[in-house]
């Protein structure tokens, strides 16, 4: 099996479940040593580490609350200390935080911004002192930054649009260092938080050109491409992996 990331170290935030866990597995199969953060469910995190190490890879689970800026920065430091460097950062941690606009509380708003925007900023800023030529920053956004088909998603859409703008601006700033920065925007994906047979599927599926929900592996494949050497001329991009949901 080709391992284009052999010798590289990656950090994935929010990597113990769903899309994040699929990204961890794909990066490990591509040869990277992978650290990932999780907030709860240590059993899931430990099972993922066992799966990767059992397949001959290297994985490190780091308990860290994505809304805590100090924890986000500490996760970067621990990755470097224990795995010997840092070459790829994948900002995958996120929360939905949906609800009627006039009922959104300050605490709910602050939490959504802290996780969906603050975590991206603080993790990436801490990583920049370690990334060199060939470094990769990839943020998992959402197609809802471009199109949202249900009421109650104002804060979620706002935060995901913010990280797409962050990507474009940062790509300009660090391109001279040989570092690429990109956003992947998944459409409807079959996860335990948004199952393909869940309560929203009946409304959502007819809007997807492909006629089905995506899989976490399909998102992870695009992230892994962006993490590798073949994506060196892709930066500042927002890539929709949405089955034509926004077409």
Protein backbone atom coordinates (compact mmCIF):
# COMPACT_ATOMS: atom_id res chain seq x y z
CA UNK A 1 0.00 0.00 0.00
CA UNK A 2 1.26 3.48 -0.89
CA UNK A 3 2.14 5.54 2.16
CA UNK A 4 2.63 9.13 0.99
CA UNK A 5 2.64 10.38 4.59
CA UNK A 6 5.34 8.05 5.84
CA UNK A 7 7.51 9.90 8.36
CA UNK A 8 4.92 12.65 8.89
CA UNK A 9 3.13 13.56 12.12
CA UNK A 10 -0.49 14.68 12.06
CA UNK A 11 -2.80 16.15 14.69
CA UNK A 12 -6.56 15.78 14.28
CA UNK A 13 -8.85 17.65 16.65
CA UNK A 14 -12.12 15.94 17.51
CA UNK A 15 -10.79 12.66 16.19
CA UNK A 16 -12.46 9.96 18.26
CA UNK A 17 -15.72 9.59 16.36
CA UNK A 18 -17.50 10.17 13.07
CA UNK A 19 -15.64 12.08 10.38
CA UNK A 20 -12.75 12.83 12.72
CA UNK A 21 -12.13 9.15 13.46
CA UNK A 22 -12.26 8.30 9.76
CA UNK A 23 -9.66 10.98 9.10
CA UNK A 24 -7.41 9.55 11.81
CA UNK A 25 -7.66 6.07 10.28
CA UNK A 26 -6.99 7.29 6.73
CA UNK A 27 -3.98 9.37 7.74
CA UNK A 28 -2.55 6.44 9.67
CA UNK A 29 -3.03 4.12 6.69
CA UNK A 30 -1.19 6.71 4.57
CA UNK A 31 1.79 6.33 6.91
CA UNK A 32 1.43 9.24 9.32
CA UNK A 33 1.85 9.02 13.07
CA UNK A 34 -1.43 10.52 14.25
CA UNK A 35 -2.36 12.31 17.46
CA UNK A 36 -6.00 13.16 17.97
CA UNK A 37 -7.99 14.99 20.59
CA UNK A 38 -11.25 14.02 22.20
CA UNK A 39 -13.43 15.59 24.87
CA UNK A 40 -15.38 12.61 26.19
CA UNK A 41 -15.82 8.90 25.41
CA UNK A 42 -12.34 7.67 26.36
CA UNK A 43 -13.42 4.14 25.41
CA UNK A 44 -13.86 5.22 21.79
CA UNK A 45 -10.52 6.99 21.81
CA UNK A 46 -8.70 4.01 23.27
CA UNK A 47 -10.36 1.64 20.81
CA UNK A 48 -9.21 3.80 17.91
CA UNK A 49 -5.64 3.80 19.21
CA UNK A 50 -5.74 0.01 19.56
CA UNK A 51 -7.07 -0.36 16.03
CA UNK A 52 -4.30 1.77 14.52
CA UNK A 53 -1.48 0.28 16.56
CA UNK A 54 -2.81 -3.20 15.85
CA UNK A 55 -2.43 -2.43 12.15
CA UNK A 56 1.17 -1.39 12.70
CA UNK A 57 0.57 2.37 12.91
CA UNK A 58 1.22 4.99 15.58
CA UNK A 59 -1.57 6.84 17.36
CA UNK A 60 -1.85 9.08 20.40
CA UNK A 61 -5.13 10.06 22.07
CA UNK A 62 -5.15 13.41 23.88
CA UNK A 63 -8.05 14.43 26.08
CA UNK A 64 -8.73 18.11 25.39
CA UNK A 65 -11.81 20.32 25.37
CA UNK A 66 -11.87 22.12 22.01
CA UNK A 67 -13.51 25.16 23.60
CA UNK A 68 -10.51 25.63 25.91
CA UNK A 69 -7.78 27.63 24.18
CA UNK A 70 -5.10 26.48 26.61
CA UNK A 71 -6.04 22.84 26.03
CA UNK A 72 -5.92 23.32 22.27
CA UNK A 73 -2.42 24.74 22.46
CA UNK A 74 -1.28 22.08 24.91
CA UNK A 75 -2.45 19.36 22.51
CA UNK A 76 -0.10 20.73 19.87
CA UNK A 77 2.80 20.78 22.32
CA UNK A 78 2.12 17.24 23.48
CA UNK A 79 1.93 15.98 19.89
CA UNK A 80 5.33 17.46 19.12
CA UNK A 81 6.87 16.18 22.35
CA UNK A 82 5.61 12.61 22.06
CA UNK A 83 5.63 12.07 18.29
CA UNK A 84 8.67 14.14 17.41
CA UNK A 85 7.27 16.93 15.27
CA UNK A 86 4.21 18.19 13.43
CA UNK A 87 3.53 18.32 9.69
CA UNK A 88 -0.25 18.13 9.26
CA UNK A 89 -3.01 19.81 11.28
CA UNK A 90 -6.64 18.81 10.72
CA UNK A 91 -9.19 20.95 12.54
CA UNK A 92 -12.13 18.57 12.78
CA UNK A 93 -13.66 19.37 16.18
CA UNK A 94 -17.05 21.01 15.90
CA UNK A 95 -20.53 21.42 17.38
CA UNK A 96 -23.85 22.11 15.69
CA UNK A 97 -25.54 24.45 18.17
CA UNK A 98 -28.78 24.81 16.22
CA UNK A 99 -31.96 26.49 17.47
CA UNK A 100 -34.40 29.32 16.71
CA UNK A 101 -32.41 32.52 16.29
CA UNK A 102 -34.24 34.56 18.93
CA UNK A 103 -33.86 31.77 21.48
CA UNK A 104 -30.10 31.32 21.16
CA UNK A 105 -28.50 32.05 24.51
CA UNK A 106 -25.22 33.83 25.04
CA UNK A 107 -23.71 30.66 26.46
CA UNK A 108 -24.77 28.60 23.44
CA UNK A 109 -23.43 31.22 21.05
CA UNK A 110 -20.13 31.53 22.92
CA UNK A 111 -19.66 27.77 23.01
CA UNK A 112 -20.28 27.38 19.27
CA UNK A 113 -17.83 30.15 18.44
CA UNK A 114 -15.24 28.81 20.89
CA UNK A 115 -15.30 25.32 19.37
CA UNK A 116 -15.98 25.97 15.68
CA UNK A 117 -13.84 29.09 15.30
CA UNK A 118 -11.69 29.51 18.40
CA UNK A 119 -10.35 25.95 18.31
CA UNK A 120 -9.33 26.37 14.67
CA UNK A 121 -7.55 29.62 15.43
CA UNK A 122 -5.74 28.52 18.60
CA UNK A 123 -4.72 25.07 17.33
CA UNK A 124 -3.45 26.44 14.04
CA UNK A 125 -1.61 29.35 15.65
CA UNK A 126 0.15 27.00 18.08
CA UNK A 127 1.05 24.66 15.22
CA UNK A 128 2.58 27.37 13.04
CA UNK A 129 5.82 27.48 15.01
CA UNK A 130 6.36 23.81 14.12
CA UNK A 131 5.17 23.63 10.51
CA UNK A 132 7.77 23.98 7.77
CA UNK A 133 7.85 23.54 4.00
CA UNK A 134 5.28 20.93 3.05
CA UNK A 135 3.17 21.68 6.12
CA UNK A 136 -0.57 21.27 5.80
CA UNK A 137 -3.50 22.90 7.60
CA UNK A 138 -6.92 21.45 6.78
CA UNK A 139 -10.17 22.51 8.41
CA UNK A 140 -13.38 20.53 8.24
CA UNK A 141 -16.06 23.13 7.62
CA UNK A 142 -19.59 22.54 6.36
CA UNK A 143 -21.56 23.02 3.17
CA UNK A 144 -23.95 24.97 5.40
CA UNK A 145 -21.50 27.86 5.10
CA UNK A 146 -22.79 28.15 1.51
CA UNK A 147 -26.26 26.68 1.69
CA UNK A 148 -28.46 25.92 4.68
CA UNK A 149 -31.82 24.32 3.98
CA UNK A 150 -33.34 24.31 7.47
CA UNK A 151 -34.27 27.00 10.00
CA UNK A 152 -32.28 27.33 13.20
CA UNK A 153 -28.79 27.08 11.77
CA UNK A 154 -27.72 30.72 11.89
CA UNK A 155 -24.86 30.37 14.36
CA UNK A 156 -23.62 27.13 12.85
CA UNK A 157 -23.58 28.59 9.33
CA UNK A 158 -21.86 31.74 10.60
CA UNK A 159 -19.05 29.82 12.30
CA UNK A 160 -18.45 27.59 9.28
CA UNK A 161 -18.36 30.58 6.95
CA UNK A 162 -15.83 32.16 9.31
CA UNK A 163 -13.36 29.27 8.99
CA UNK A 164 -13.63 29.33 5.20
CA UNK A 165 -12.61 33.00 5.30
CA UNK A 166 -9.85 32.18 7.78
CA UNK A 167 -8.50 29.57 5.36
CA UNK A 168 -8.29 31.98 2.44
CA UNK A 169 -6.57 34.68 4.47
CA UNK A 170 -4.09 32.36 6.18
CA UNK A 171 -3.18 30.68 2.88
CA UNK A 172 -2.00 34.06 1.60
CA UNK A 173 0.01 34.66 4.75
CA UNK A 174 1.94 31.38 4.92
CA UNK A 175 2.30 30.36 1.27
CA UNK A 176 5.84 31.78 1.15
CA UNK A 177 6.77 29.20 3.80
CA UNK A 178 5.57 26.31 1.65
CA UNK A 179 2.54 25.64 3.86
CA UNK A 180 -0.89 25.03 2.34
CA UNK A 181 -4.19 25.85 4.04
CA UNK A 182 -7.53 24.46 2.85
CA UNK A 183 -11.08 23.83 3.96
CA UNK A 184 -13.15 20.72 3.24
CA UNK A 185 -16.90 21.31 3.40
CA UNK A 186 -18.87 18.07 3.86
CA UNK A 187 -22.48 17.88 2.86
CA UNK A 188 -24.91 15.49 4.56
CA UNK A 189 -22.81 12.61 5.90
CA UNK A 190 -24.05 9.43 7.56
CA UNK A 191 -22.77 9.61 11.14
CA UNK A 192 -24.26 8.83 14.53
CA UNK A 193 -25.05 12.54 14.91
CA UNK A 194 -26.76 12.78 11.50
CA UNK A 195 -27.75 9.28 10.39
CA UNK A 196 -28.86 8.63 6.82
CA UNK A 197 -32.12 7.21 8.22
CA UNK A 198 -32.55 9.95 10.83
CA UNK A 199 -35.35 12.49 11.29
CA UNK A 200 -33.89 14.98 8.80
CA UNK A 201 -33.12 12.51 6.03
CA UNK A 202 -36.53 12.72 4.37
CA UNK A 203 -36.11 16.46 3.80
CA UNK A 204 -32.39 16.39 3.08
CA UNK A 205 -31.91 13.46 0.67
CA UNK A 206 -33.99 14.92 -2.21
CA UNK A 207 -31.67 17.97 -2.19
CA UNK A 208 -28.54 15.87 -2.77
CA UNK A 209 -27.73 15.43 -6.47
CA UNK A 210 -26.11 12.05 -5.73
CA UNK A 211 -29.34 10.91 -4.10
CA UNK A 212 -27.67 9.66 -0.93
CA UNK A 213 -25.77 10.71 2.16
CA UNK A 214 -22.00 10.65 2.01
CA UNK A 215 -19.78 8.52 4.21
CA UNK A 216 -17.13 9.60 6.68
CA UNK A 217 -14.55 7.71 4.61
CA UNK A 218 -15.38 9.81 1.54
CA UNK A 219 -14.63 12.98 3.50
CA UNK A 220 -11.47 11.46 4.98
CA UNK A 221 -10.16 10.54 1.53
CA UNK A 222 -10.24 14.17 0.42
CA UNK A 223 -8.59 15.33 3.64
CA UNK A 224 -5.85 12.73 3.19
CA UNK A 225 -5.21 13.93 -0.36
CA UNK A 226 -4.85 17.50 0.91
CA UNK A 227 -2.43 16.26 3.58
CA UNK A 228 -0.17 14.63 1.04
CA UNK A 229 2.48 15.76 -1.46
CA UNK A 230 0.20 15.59 -4.51
CA UNK A 231 -1.83 18.58 -3.23
CA UNK A 232 1.11 21.01 -3.14
CA UNK A 233 -0.56 23.44 -5.60
CA UNK A 234 -3.88 23.48 -3.74
CA UNK A 235 -4.14 26.23 -1.15
CA UNK A 236 -6.72 28.75 -0.04
CA UNK A 237 -9.37 26.41 -1.42
CA UNK A 238 -12.79 25.50 -0.13
CA UNK A 239 -13.59 22.03 -1.43
CA UNK A 240 -17.19 20.84 -1.27
CA UNK A 241 -17.60 17.12 -0.69
CA UNK A 242 -21.37 17.17 -0.69
CA UNK A 243 -22.76 14.91 -3.41
CA UNK A 244 -23.95 18.00 -5.26
CA UNK A 245 -26.00 19.33 -2.34
CA UNK A 246 -24.95 22.90 -3.19
CA UNK A 247 -25.07 22.42 -6.97
